[in-house]
Amino acid sequence: MARKKSVKEDSSGELFAAKTDVSLPWRLASNHQNLSYMLAAGLLMGPRGFGGRYYADSLSRCPGWILLFRGRVPRLELEYAVRENPATLKAAIATLDLHDLEGPVRIIARGGGIRDGVFPRDLQEEDNALLVRAPLPVNLVEKLSFSFPEDKKTLEDRVLDVSNVELALPLEVDKTLFAADTEDPQSSLVFPAASADEDRPPVLGQVTGGILAMLYHMANRGETSVAAFRTACGQAEARDADWLGRDPILAELASWLAGGKLSARANIQARLFWGVVDAIIEARRDGSPLRPIEQTLAFLENQLGAMEDERYRPRLERLLQDMRQAVGFLDNTVTELLERHKGSLSRPLLLFCLRESCEELLEFSHPFLSETEFLLAAILFGARDGWLGLPRALRQPARLSTLVAHRMARVEQGQNPTPLRLSAPERPKPLRELFLPGEKGWSRKQQEAALELARKCKWTEAIQTRITLDKGDYRVVVGNARLEILIEGDVKAVATETDMEKILQRIAASSPGIEARIEKAVRELLGA
C-alpha cells in the first residue's frame, strides 16, 4: 500500500499542505527480457549491468540513470522498449513505490524541462518524470503490468527457463496503461548526456550480495558464523568483533565491507585473502576472459614474485602447486591436501579449487575443516558467483532477497558523490541466532520451539522426559515389545525437556538447512 504524503507536520506541530503528492504510481517502461534479467540481478540498473544481454529501453535514454514516469507512460517509450525486436519482445511496465527513497535526482517537468533537485522535497505538481541514479533495489517494484495475457505468459515462461529468478511480484494485464496517448509531452525531450563512468556494471554490489547470501546460509554453524552474518548486514553486536577477531582474516571483514581497505594490523594472510577477493572483483569489472580460479592463481603468483618475506615464500609456493593440481587432475585425496596445508588462508583457497558451486560447498563437510575455514571459503564462493549466479534455493527466504537487493544498491550508491538514501529492510535472522540464550538463559518460548524442532526432526537425543511419582506400588506390564507402567489416579508430573546445547549442535550439523516446512513452523512459534 502506497503512503500518501499530502499532509506534513512542521516542528511547531502545525499542519500544512505538502507541495505535491509523491505517492505511486511511478513507472518504468521496459520489456520482458530486461525485466527478467533485473529480477535475477536484484537491481534496476543501467545497460552495462546486463553483460551484453540488454535490449534498448528507457534505461538507455540516459545511461546510469533510471527514467521513471509519474502516471501514464508515454507511448513512444513503450514502442522504444520493443523496437529492437518487435516480434519477440513484449512491452512491460514496472510500478515502483518510492516512499522510502530520498536524495538527489533530476526532475522532469511536464513541459520537458530538466532540473536537479532532491526527492521528494523539490517535487512540484507539474513534474511528471524523474531520472534517478542507478541502481535501485528490485524490491521497490510493486507489480509488473502487460497489455495482453499472452505477454504476461511470455514473462512467466521466461522466468521458468532460468534457475535464479523467484517471481514473487504480482503480474497484471491492464490495457489502459498501454493505450495510445493523444499527446506525448516527452516526445521532444532531450536527455542530458551521461558521463562514461555513470553507467557502471554493479560488480561490487553483486559480489557483496553473493557473500551476504552465503554468510546467511553458513550462519547456523556456530557463533562465529552468526557474528560474520550480522557484521555483513551492518548490524554487528558488541561481542561479534571478539568472535571474528579470533582469526586474522575474518577480523578484517568489517574493514573490507566498509570500502575494501584493510586495517593497519592486517597480516600477510589477511592481505592475500582479501586481495584474492579484490582480484575477482577487478577481473569481473574489466571483463577479463580468465575464470575466477585462473584470476586467483594469477594474483597469488604475482604476490609470490613480489614477496619479501622469505619465511612465507615456500608455503605459498607449495599452496600454489597444490591449487593448480586441484584445478586439474588430482593426484592426492582431499584429506591429504588438507593435512598438508593448515590454516585459514590455505584451506579455503584449496576448497575454492576443489568445489564447483556454492551449493556444493554448503553440502560438503570434512572433519579437518574448522568453522572459520568454511566461512572464509563461503566468502570466496560468494564473491565468485555473485548474487546473479546463485540458484533459487540460496535466495531464500524472501527476507534474504529483500535484504540483499537493498545492500547491493546501497554499496553501489555509496560509490556516487551524492548517494541516494534507502530505508533498510528488516534482516532475516538465522535459526541458530533465534535459539541463542539471553542474559537470563533460554526463554520458555525458545524451549518450546526447540522441543517442537527436535520432535519434527526426530532428534531424540536432545529430548529428555522426566516422570515424577510418589511412593507406592506400581504394576509393570510387558508385552508386544513394549513396557507399560500402570498407575492409579491422574499423573501430572510428566516433564519433557530439551537439551538446548544439543539443539544448537544439531542445527549446526544440519547445514545447509532444515526442511523448509519444519523451519517455518518453528519460526512461527518463535514469532520470527
Protein backbone atom coordinates (compact mmCIF):
# COMPACT_ATOMS: atom_id res chain seq x y z
CA MET A 1 0.00 0.00 0.00
CA ALA A 2 1.48 3.34 -1.06
CA ARG A 3 1.86 6.03 1.55
CA LYS A 4 0.32 9.39 0.76
CA LYS A 5 2.45 12.38 1.67
CA SER A 6 -0.18 15.02 1.02
CA VAL A 7 -0.01 16.39 4.58
CA LYS A 8 3.05 17.20 6.67
CA GLU A 9 3.66 18.46 10.19
CA ASP A 10 6.32 21.08 10.90
CA SER A 11 8.46 21.39 14.03
CA SER A 12 5.85 23.61 15.72
CA GLY A 13 3.22 20.89 15.44
CA GLU A 14 1.06 22.77 12.91
CA LEU A 15 -0.18 21.02 9.79
CA PHE A 16 0.40 22.38 6.34
CA ALA A 17 -0.19 21.10 2.83
CA ALA A 18 2.78 19.48 1.12
CA LYS A 19 3.85 20.79 -2.26
CA THR A 20 2.74 17.65 -4.01
CA ASP A 21 1.70 14.05 -3.56
CA VAL A 22 4.79 11.87 -4.10
CA SER A 23 2.97 8.56 -3.81
CA LEU A 24 2.62 5.96 -6.53
CA PRO A 25 2.41 5.39 -9.38
CA TRP A 26 5.99 5.82 -10.59
CA ARG A 27 6.51 3.68 -13.67
CA LEU A 28 9.40 2.28 -15.68
CA ALA A 29 8.90 1.32 -19.34
CA SER A 30 10.80 -1.80 -20.36
CA ASN A 31 10.39 -5.22 -21.95
CA HIS A 32 10.04 -8.73 -20.56
CA GLN A 33 13.64 -9.74 -21.33
CA ASN A 34 15.22 -6.83 -19.48
CA LEU A 35 12.85 -7.19 -16.54
CA SER A 36 13.55 -10.90 -16.13
CA TYR A 37 17.29 -10.16 -16.08
CA MET A 38 16.86 -7.41 -13.48
CA LEU A 39 14.76 -9.72 -11.32
CA ALA A 40 17.65 -12.19 -11.40
CA ALA A 41 20.21 -9.48 -10.63
CA GLY A 42 18.11 -7.99 -7.84
CA LEU A 43 18.72 -4.50 -9.22
CA LEU A 44 17.20 -1.97 -11.59
CA MET A 45 20.34 -0.86 -13.40
CA GLY A 46 21.86 0.72 -16.47
CA PRO A 47 22.63 -1.08 -19.76
CA ARG A 48 26.19 -2.05 -18.79
CA GLY A 49 24.89 -4.15 -15.94
CA PHE A 50 23.30 -6.66 -18.33
CA GLY A 51 26.51 -8.27 -19.52
CA GLY A 52 25.65 -7.94 -23.22
CA ARG A 53 22.05 -9.19 -22.79
CA TYR A 54 20.41 -5.79 -22.93
CA TYR A 55 17.62 -4.67 -25.28
CA ALA A 56 17.24 -0.90 -25.68
CA ASP A 57 14.55 0.60 -23.47
CA SER A 58 14.12 3.73 -21.34
CA LEU A 59 17.25 2.76 -19.34
CA SER A 60 19.35 3.77 -22.34
CA ARG A 61 17.88 7.28 -22.54
CA CYS A 62 20.44 8.49 -20.02
CA PRO A 63 22.70 5.50 -19.19
CA GLY A 64 23.33 5.12 -15.49
CA TRP A 65 20.02 6.82 -14.66
CA ILE A 66 16.57 5.25 -14.36
CA LEU A 67 13.76 7.11 -16.14
CA LEU A 68 10.54 6.94 -14.15
CA PHE A 69 7.19 8.42 -15.17
CA ARG A 70 4.52 9.58 -12.79
CA GLY A 71 1.22 8.26 -14.01
CA ARG A 72 0.94 7.46 -17.71
CA VAL A 73 4.00 6.14 -19.56
CA PRO A 74 4.38 7.91 -22.93
CA ARG A 75 3.55 5.78 -25.94
CA LEU A 76 6.95 6.44 -27.53
CA GLU A 77 8.72 4.92 -24.51
CA LEU A 78 6.70 1.72 -24.81
CA GLU A 79 7.46 1.50 -28.52
CA TYR A 80 11.13 2.22 -27.87
CA ALA A 81 11.31 -0.68 -25.36
CA VAL A 82 10.48 -3.27 -28.05
CA ARG A 83 11.89 -1.68 -31.19
CA GLU A 84 14.98 -3.93 -31.38
CA ASN A 85 12.80 -6.99 -31.93
CA PRO A 86 9.07 -6.20 -32.05
CA ALA A 87 8.23 -9.80 -32.96
CA THR A 88 9.54 -11.31 -29.73
CA LEU A 89 9.93 -8.53 -27.17
CA LYS A 90 6.89 -7.75 -25.01
CA ALA A 91 6.37 -4.27 -23.60
CA ALA A 92 6.08 -4.22 -19.83
CA ILE A 93 5.61 -1.57 -17.17
CA ALA A 94 7.12 -1.84 -13.69
CA THR A 95 5.32 0.16 -10.99
CA LEU A 96 7.59 1.35 -8.18
CA ASP A 97 6.94 2.56 -4.65
CA LEU A 98 9.38 5.40 -3.88
CA HIS A 99 8.16 6.44 -0.45
CA ASP A 100 11.39 5.10 1.16
CA LEU A 101 13.70 6.86 -1.30
CA GLU A 102 15.31 10.21 -0.64
CA GLY A 103 18.14 12.13 -2.26
CA PRO A 104 19.42 13.91 -5.38
CA VAL A 105 17.56 13.29 -8.65
CA ARG A 106 16.91 15.00 -11.97
CA ILE A 107 13.33 16.21 -12.17
CA ILE A 108 11.45 16.45 -15.48
CA ALA A 109 8.56 18.91 -15.69
CA ARG A 110 5.52 18.37 -17.91
CA GLY A 111 6.87 20.80 -20.47
CA GLY A 112 10.10 18.84 -20.86
CA GLY A 113 12.48 20.95 -18.76
CA ILE A 114 15.02 19.08 -16.61
CA ARG A 115 16.45 20.40 -13.36
CA ASP A 116 18.47 18.99 -10.47
CA GLY A 117 16.62 18.55 -7.21
CA VAL A 118 16.18 16.49 -4.09
CA PHE A 119 13.45 13.88 -3.96
CA PRO A 120 10.82 14.23 -2.58
CA ARG A 121 11.43 17.73 -1.23
CA ASP A 122 11.72 19.54 -4.57
CA LEU A 123 8.97 17.73 -6.47
CA GLN A 124 6.26 20.04 -7.85
CA GLU A 125 2.74 19.33 -9.08
CA GLU A 126 3.70 19.88 -12.71
CA ASP A 127 6.61 17.42 -12.54
CA ASN A 128 5.78 14.08 -14.12
CA ALA A 129 9.08 12.21 -14.53
CA LEU A 130 12.36 11.57 -12.74
CA LEU A 131 15.87 10.48 -13.60
CA VAL A 132 17.09 8.51 -10.59
CA ARG A 133 20.71 7.40 -10.24
CA ALA A 134 21.06 3.66 -10.84
CA PRO A 135 20.94 1.13 -9.39
CA LEU A 136 17.80 0.70 -7.31
CA PRO A 137 16.83 -2.46 -5.40
CA VAL A 138 14.32 -4.52 -7.33
CA ASN A 139 12.13 -4.86 -4.23
CA LEU A 140 10.95 -1.28 -4.87
CA VAL A 141 8.90 -2.77 -7.72
CA GLU A 142 5.32 -3.41 -6.59
CA LYS A 143 3.93 -5.05 -9.72
CA LEU A 144 4.53 -5.70 -13.42
CA SER A 145 1.89 -4.83 -15.98
CA PHE A 146 1.30 -6.12 -19.52
CA SER A 147 -1.07 -5.22 -22.31
CA PHE A 148 -2.15 -8.77 -23.20
CA PRO A 149 -2.43 -12.08 -21.29
CA GLU A 150 -0.04 -13.73 -23.75
CA ASP A 151 2.60 -11.06 -22.98
CA LYS A 152 2.29 -11.83 -19.28
CA LYS A 153 2.61 -15.54 -20.07
CA THR A 154 5.80 -14.84 -22.05
CA LEU A 155 7.48 -13.39 -18.96
CA GLU A 156 6.27 -16.26 -16.78
CA ASP A 157 7.72 -18.77 -19.27
CA ARG A 158 10.96 -16.82 -19.45
CA VAL A 159 11.33 -16.92 -15.66
CA LEU A 160 10.75 -20.68 -15.62
CA ASP A 161 13.62 -21.10 -18.08
CA VAL A 162 16.20 -19.60 -15.71
CA SER A 163 17.31 -21.08 -12.41
CA ASN A 164 17.78 -17.97 -10.32
CA VAL A 165 14.55 -15.97 -10.52
CA GLU A 166 11.82 -16.32 -7.94
CA LEU A 167 8.79 -14.50 -9.37
CA ALA A 168 7.17 -13.15 -6.22
CA LEU A 169 5.79 -9.96 -7.79
CA PRO A 170 2.14 -9.60 -8.79
CA LEU A 171 1.63 -9.67 -12.56
CA GLU A 172 -1.38 -7.97 -14.12
CA VAL A 173 -2.93 -7.32 -17.51
CA ASP A 174 -4.01 -3.68 -17.81
CA LYS A 175 -4.55 -2.43 -21.34
CA THR A 176 -5.32 1.10 -20.17
CA LEU A 177 -1.68 1.62 -19.20
CA PHE A 178 -0.62 0.87 -22.78
CA ALA A 179 -3.29 2.91 -24.56
CA ALA A 180 -2.03 5.42 -27.14
CA ASP A 181 -1.67 8.98 -25.82
CA THR A 182 -3.48 11.83 -27.51
CA GLU A 183 -0.44 13.94 -26.68
CA ASP A 184 3.03 12.92 -25.71
CA PRO A 185 4.74 15.62 -23.61
CA GLN A 186 8.07 13.78 -23.64
CA SER A 187 8.25 13.29 -27.40
CA SER A 188 10.71 16.17 -27.89
CA LEU A 189 12.61 15.75 -24.62
CA VAL A 190 16.40 15.98 -24.91
CA PHE A 191 18.06 13.96 -22.17
CA PRO A 192 21.29 15.13 -20.56
CA ALA A 193 24.45 13.36 -21.64
CA ALA A 194 25.76 10.82 -19.16
CA SER A 195 29.46 10.66 -18.37
CA ALA A 196 31.31 7.45 -19.19
CA ASP A 197 31.57 6.35 -15.55
CA GLU A 198 27.90 6.92 -14.67
CA ASP A 199 26.72 3.66 -16.19
CA ARG A 200 28.94 1.13 -14.47
CA PRO A 201 28.16 -2.57 -14.05
CA PRO A 202 27.23 -3.22 -10.40
CA VAL A 203 30.10 -5.66 -9.85
CA LEU A 204 30.86 -4.70 -6.27
CA GLY A 205 27.18 -4.88 -5.37
CA GLN A 206 26.78 -8.30 -6.96
CA VAL A 207 29.84 -9.66 -5.14
CA THR A 208 28.61 -8.22 -1.85
CA GLY A 209 25.21 -9.82 -2.45
CA GLY A 210 26.76 -13.23 -3.12
CA ILE A 211 28.89 -13.02 0.02
CA LEU A 212 25.94 -11.90 2.15
CA ALA A 213 23.76 -14.77 0.94
CA MET A 214 26.48 -17.35 1.59
CA LEU A 215 27.11 -15.98 5.08
CA TYR A 216 23.40 -16.30 5.84
CA HIS A 217 23.36 -19.94 4.79
CA MET A 218 26.52 -20.60 6.82
CA ALA A 219 25.21 -18.83 9.93
CA ASN A 220 23.73 -21.91 11.62
CA ARG A 221 27.19 -23.46 12.04
CA GLY A 222 28.32 -21.52 15.11
CA GLU A 223 28.70 -18.23 16.96
CA THR A 224 31.46 -17.03 14.63
CA SER A 225 29.18 -17.61 11.65
CA VAL A 226 26.33 -15.65 13.25
CA ALA A 227 28.77 -12.82 14.02
CA ALA A 228 30.00 -12.77 10.41
CA PHE A 229 26.47 -12.54 9.03
CA ARG A 230 25.43 -9.76 11.40
CA THR A 231 28.60 -7.86 10.54
CA ALA A 232 27.98 -8.23 6.81
CA CYS A 233 24.46 -6.84 7.35
CA GLY A 234 25.89 -3.76 9.07
CA GLN A 235 24.21 -4.80 12.34
CA ALA A 236 27.14 -6.18 14.32
CA GLU A 237 26.70 -6.54 18.06
CA ALA A 238 29.39 -5.74 20.61
CA ARG A 239 30.52 -9.34 21.04
CA ASP A 240 30.76 -10.02 17.30
CA ALA A 241 34.14 -8.32 16.94
CA ASP A 242 35.53 -10.68 19.59
CA TRP A 243 34.32 -13.75 17.68
CA LEU A 244 35.70 -12.52 14.35
CA GLY A 245 38.90 -11.26 15.95
CA ARG A 246 39.96 -14.81 16.77
CA ASP A 247 41.09 -15.20 13.15
CA PRO A 248 43.26 -12.51 11.47
CA ILE A 249 41.46 -12.86 8.12
CA LEU A 250 37.90 -12.73 9.48
CA ALA A 251 38.96 -9.83 11.69
CA GLU A 252 39.19 -7.73 8.52
CA LEU A 253 35.63 -8.50 7.31
CA ALA A 254 34.13 -5.25 8.62
CA SER A 255 37.01 -3.16 7.22
CA TRP A 256 36.73 -4.77 3.79
CA LEU A 257 32.95 -4.31 3.68
CA ALA A 258 33.35 -0.67 4.66
CA GLY A 259 35.28 0.13 1.50
CA GLY A 260 37.82 -2.51 0.66
CA LYS A 261 40.65 -1.08 2.75
CA LEU A 262 42.12 -3.32 5.44
CA SER A 263 43.21 -2.15 8.85
CA ALA A 264 46.83 -1.38 9.65
CA ARG A 265 47.07 -4.58 11.73
CA ALA A 266 46.18 -6.88 8.79
CA ASN A 267 48.82 -9.60 8.44
CA ILE A 268 50.11 -11.20 5.25
CA GLN A 269 47.44 -13.95 5.23
CA ALA A 270 44.66 -11.38 5.51
CA ARG A 271 46.15 -9.25 2.73
CA LEU A 272 46.47 -12.27 0.44
CA PHE A 273 42.91 -13.50 1.12
CA TRP A 274 41.16 -10.15 0.65
CA GLY A 275 43.48 -9.43 -2.24
CA VAL A 276 42.05 -12.52 -3.95
CA VAL A 277 38.51 -11.17 -3.42
CA ASP A 278 39.54 -7.79 -4.86
CA ALA A 279 41.21 -9.50 -7.83
CA ILE A 280 37.97 -11.37 -8.59
CA ILE A 281 36.06 -8.08 -8.48
CA GLU A 282 38.53 -6.29 -10.75
CA ALA A 283 38.51 -9.15 -13.24
CA ARG A 284 34.71 -9.07 -13.43
CA ARG A 285 34.70 -5.29 -13.72
CA ASP A 286 37.28 -5.35 -16.53
CA GLY A 287 35.55 -8.17 -18.40
CA SER A 288 38.60 -10.44 -18.09
CA PRO A 289 38.33 -13.72 -20.03
CA LEU A 290 40.05 -15.53 -17.15
CA ARG A 291 37.92 -17.69 -14.91
CA PRO A 292 37.89 -16.66 -11.22
CA ILE A 293 40.14 -19.60 -10.34
CA GLU A 294 42.64 -18.57 -13.01
CA GLN A 295 42.45 -14.97 -11.81
CA THR A 296 43.10 -16.15 -8.26
CA LEU A 297 46.16 -18.16 -9.30
CA ALA A 298 47.49 -15.24 -11.36
CA PHE A 299 47.09 -12.86 -8.40
CA LEU A 300 48.85 -15.21 -5.98
CA GLU A 301 51.69 -15.82 -8.44
CA ASN A 302 52.19 -12.05 -8.74
CA GLN A 303 52.24 -11.77 -4.96
CA LEU A 304 54.76 -14.59 -4.76
CA GLY A 305 57.05 -12.77 -7.16
CA ALA A 306 56.90 -9.61 -5.07
CA MET A 307 57.09 -11.31 -1.69
CA GLU A 308 59.93 -10.15 0.53
CA ASP A 309 59.17 -12.45 3.46
CA GLU A 310 61.36 -15.47 2.71
CA ARG A 311 59.79 -17.42 5.57
CA TYR A 312 56.39 -17.41 3.92
CA ARG A 313 57.50 -17.86 0.30
CA PRO A 314 57.97 -21.70 0.43
CA ARG A 315 54.49 -22.14 1.96
CA LEU A 316 52.87 -20.06 -0.76
CA GLU A 317 54.80 -21.93 -3.46
CA ARG A 318 53.53 -25.28 -2.13
CA LEU A 319 50.00 -23.94 -1.89
CA LEU A 320 50.04 -22.67 -5.49
CA GLN A 321 51.36 -26.01 -6.69
CA ASP A 322 48.56 -27.93 -4.97
CA MET A 323 45.91 -25.43 -6.07
CA ARG A 324 46.93 -25.98 -9.70
CA GLN A 325 46.76 -29.72 -9.14
CA ALA A 326 43.32 -29.41 -7.53
CA VAL A 327 42.04 -27.49 -10.56
CA GLY A 328 43.36 -30.16 -12.90
CA PHE A 329 43.98 -33.85 -12.27
CA LEU A 330 44.06 -34.54 -8.53
CA ASP A 331 46.87 -36.92 -7.52
CA ASN A 332 46.15 -36.62 -3.80
CA THR A 333 42.99 -37.11 -1.81
CA VAL A 334 41.21 -34.13 -0.28
CA THR A 335 42.29 -35.36 3.15
CA GLU A 336 45.93 -35.45 2.09
CA LEU A 337 45.73 -31.90 0.73
CA LEU A 338 44.10 -30.59 3.90
CA GLU A 339 46.68 -32.39 6.04
CA ARG A 340 49.48 -30.77 4.03
CA HIS A 341 48.02 -27.25 4.28
CA LYS A 342 46.78 -25.95 7.60
CA GLY A 343 45.38 -22.52 8.30
CA SER A 344 42.54 -20.21 7.39
CA LEU A 345 44.21 -19.00 4.18
CA SER A 346 45.33 -22.26 2.59
CA ARG A 347 42.31 -24.47 3.21
CA PRO A 348 39.64 -22.04 1.92
CA LEU A 349 41.73 -21.48 -1.22
CA LEU A 350 42.03 -25.24 -1.75
CA LEU A 351 38.25 -25.62 -1.35
CA PHE A 352 37.85 -22.84 -3.90
CA CYS A 353 39.65 -25.11 -6.38
CA LEU A 354 38.04 -28.37 -5.30
CA ARG A 355 34.34 -27.45 -5.45
CA GLU A 356 32.38 -26.13 -8.42
CA SER A 357 29.46 -24.22 -6.90
CA CYS A 358 28.12 -22.56 -3.77
CA GLU A 359 25.66 -25.42 -3.31
CA GLU A 360 28.49 -27.96 -3.45
CA LEU A 361 30.39 -26.08 -0.78
CA LEU A 362 27.37 -25.93 1.55
CA GLU A 363 26.80 -29.67 1.15
CA PHE A 364 30.48 -30.52 1.72
CA SER A 365 31.88 -31.49 5.11
CA HIS A 366 35.24 -32.70 6.38
CA PRO A 367 36.42 -33.25 9.94
CA PHE A 368 39.65 -31.33 9.30
CA LEU A 369 37.84 -28.10 8.40
CA SER A 370 37.02 -25.57 11.11
CA GLU A 371 34.00 -23.28 11.16
CA THR A 372 36.24 -20.33 10.28
CA GLU A 373 37.76 -22.11 7.28
CA PHE A 374 34.29 -22.94 5.95
CA LEU A 375 33.22 -19.32 6.45
CA LEU A 376 36.18 -17.96 4.50
CA ALA A 377 35.59 -20.47 1.72
CA ALA A 378 31.96 -19.28 1.59
CA ILE A 379 33.16 -15.70 1.13
CA LEU A 380 35.32 -16.76 -1.83
CA PHE A 381 32.45 -18.71 -3.42
CA GLY A 382 30.02 -15.84 -2.88
CA ALA A 383 32.46 -13.42 -4.48
CA ARG A 384 32.99 -15.73 -7.45
CA ASP A 385 29.32 -16.37 -8.26
CA GLY A 386 27.81 -13.10 -7.05
CA TRP A 387 24.09 -12.76 -6.35
CA LEU A 388 23.30 -13.18 -10.05
CA GLY A 389 24.94 -16.61 -10.07
CA LEU A 390 23.04 -18.07 -7.11
CA PRO A 391 20.18 -20.54 -7.69
CA ARG A 392 16.69 -20.03 -6.28
CA ALA A 393 17.36 -22.24 -3.25
CA LEU A 394 20.11 -19.93 -1.99
CA ARG A 395 17.99 -16.80 -2.47
CA GLN A 396 15.54 -17.93 0.18
CA PRO A 397 13.95 -16.84 2.46
CA ALA A 398 12.21 -13.86 0.85
CA ARG A 399 13.62 -11.55 3.53
CA LEU A 400 17.11 -12.51 2.42
CA SER A 401 16.38 -11.49 -1.19
CA THR A 402 14.96 -8.17 0.02
CA LEU A 403 17.94 -7.50 2.26
CA VAL A 404 20.48 -8.43 -0.43
CA ALA A 405 18.80 -6.20 -3.03
CA HIS A 406 18.96 -3.28 -0.60
CA ARG A 407 22.59 -3.92 0.36
CA MET A 408 23.69 -4.26 -3.27
CA ALA A 409 22.03 -0.96 -4.18
CA ARG A 410 23.48 0.72 -1.12
CA VAL A 411 27.01 -0.48 -1.94
CA GLU A 412 26.73 0.84 -5.49
CA GLN A 413 25.11 4.12 -4.42
CA GLY A 414 27.94 4.54 -1.92
CA GLN A 415 30.35 4.93 -4.86
CA ASN A 416 28.47 8.03 -6.06
CA PRO A 417 29.46 11.51 -4.84
CA THR A 418 25.88 12.09 -3.58
CA PRO A 419 24.22 8.72 -2.97
CA LEU A 420 20.51 8.13 -2.65
CA ARG A 421 19.21 7.09 0.75
CA LEU A 422 17.10 3.96 1.01
CA SER A 423 15.35 2.70 4.12
CA ALA A 424 16.90 -0.57 5.25
CA PRO A 425 14.59 -3.60 5.42
CA GLU A 426 14.47 -5.93 8.40
CA ARG A 427 17.21 -8.53 8.18
CA PRO A 428 16.39 -12.24 8.37
CA LYS A 429 17.73 -13.98 11.45
CA PRO A 430 19.33 -17.41 11.01
CA LEU A 431 17.67 -20.18 13.01
CA ARG A 432 20.69 -20.53 15.28
CA GLU A 433 20.52 -16.87 16.25
CA LEU A 434 16.88 -17.29 17.30
CA PHE A 435 17.96 -20.01 19.75
CA LEU A 436 20.87 -18.16 21.35
CA PRO A 437 20.28 -17.61 25.08
CA GLY A 438 19.62 -14.17 26.52
CA GLU A 439 21.10 -12.70 29.68
CA LYS A 440 18.80 -14.90 31.77
CA GLY A 441 19.29 -18.01 29.67
CA TRP A 442 16.81 -19.59 27.27
CA SER A 443 13.26 -18.29 27.40
CA ARG A 444 10.21 -20.52 27.71
CA LYS A 445 9.28 -19.70 24.10
CA GLN A 446 12.73 -20.82 22.89
CA GLN A 447 12.50 -24.06 24.86
CA GLU A 448 9.02 -24.85 23.50
CA ALA A 449 10.15 -24.13 19.93
CA ALA A 450 13.28 -26.26 20.46
CA LEU A 451 11.13 -29.17 21.64
CA GLU A 452 8.95 -28.88 18.55
CA LEU A 453 12.04 -28.74 16.32
CA ALA A 454 13.56 -31.81 17.99
CA ARG A 455 10.32 -33.75 17.65
CA LYS A 456 9.79 -32.91 13.99
CA CYS A 457 13.43 -33.64 13.11
CA LYS A 458 13.49 -36.77 15.32
CA TRP A 459 16.47 -35.56 17.34
CA THR A 460 15.65 -37.95 20.17
CA GLU A 461 18.98 -37.49 21.94
CA ALA A 462 18.07 -33.84 22.53
CA ILE A 463 14.79 -34.68 24.31
CA GLN A 464 14.53 -35.85 27.89
CA THR A 465 11.27 -36.85 29.61
CA ARG A 466 11.09 -36.89 33.41
CA ILE A 467 8.21 -38.65 35.26
CA THR A 468 7.95 -37.94 38.96
CA LEU A 469 5.95 -40.47 41.05
CA ASP A 470 5.04 -40.55 44.70
CA LYS A 471 5.96 -43.51 46.87
CA GLY A 472 3.84 -46.55 46.21
CA ASP A 473 3.42 -49.86 44.41
CA TYR A 474 3.15 -49.80 40.61
CA ARG A 475 2.26 -52.60 38.23
CA VAL A 476 4.58 -53.23 35.27
CA VAL A 477 3.15 -54.94 32.17
CA VAL A 478 5.48 -56.24 29.48
CA GLY A 479 4.12 -57.29 26.10
CA ASN A 480 4.24 -56.70 22.35
CA ALA A 481 7.83 -55.45 22.60
CA ARG A 482 6.93 -52.62 24.94
CA LEU A 483 6.75 -51.91 28.66
CA GLU A 484 3.84 -50.24 30.43
CA ILE A 485 3.62 -48.93 34.00
CA LEU A 486 0.06 -48.86 35.34
CA ILE A 487 -0.58 -46.06 37.83
CA GLU A 488 -3.78 -45.44 39.74
CA GLY A 489 -5.07 -41.91 39.50
CA ASP A 490 -4.04 -38.95 37.35
CA VAL A 491 -0.31 -38.41 36.96
CA LYS A 492 0.55 -34.84 36.10
CA ALA A 493 4.23 -34.77 36.99
CA VAL A 494 5.49 -35.53 33.47
CA ALA A 495 8.06 -33.04 32.19
CA THR A 496 9.56 -33.09 28.71
CA GLU A 497 12.71 -31.03 28.31
CA THR A 498 15.21 -30.30 25.59
CA ASP A 499 18.95 -30.13 25.81
CA MET A 500 19.48 -26.72 24.23
CA GLU A 501 23.20 -27.26 23.64
CA LYS A 502 22.41 -30.42 21.69
CA ILE A 503 19.78 -28.48 19.73
CA LEU A 504 22.43 -25.94 18.69
CA GLN A 505 24.80 -28.77 17.75
CA ARG A 506 22.10 -30.40 15.64
CA ILE A 507 21.25 -27.11 13.91
CA ALA A 508 24.92 -26.68 13.05
CA ALA A 509 25.20 -30.25 11.75
CA SER A 510 22.06 -29.79 9.62
CA SER A 511 23.69 -27.11 7.45
CA PRO A 512 22.89 -26.03 4.75
CA GLY A 513 19.36 -26.19 6.11
CA ILE A 514 16.48 -27.88 7.87
CA GLU A 515 13.42 -28.86 5.86
CA ALA A 516 11.59 -25.64 4.90
CA ARG A 517 8.16 -26.58 6.32
CA ILE A 518 9.71 -27.54 9.67
CA GLU A 519 11.75 -24.34 9.91
CA LYS A 520 8.68 -22.27 9.02
CA ALA A 521 6.65 -23.88 11.81
CA VAL A 522 9.43 -23.33 14.35
CA ARG A 523 9.87 -19.71 13.32
CA GLU A 524 6.15 -19.14 13.81
CA LEU A 525 6.44 -20.47 17.37
CA LEU A 526 9.31 -18.04 17.96
CA GLY A 527 7.40 -15.15 16.38
CA ALA A 528 10.12 -14.64 13.79
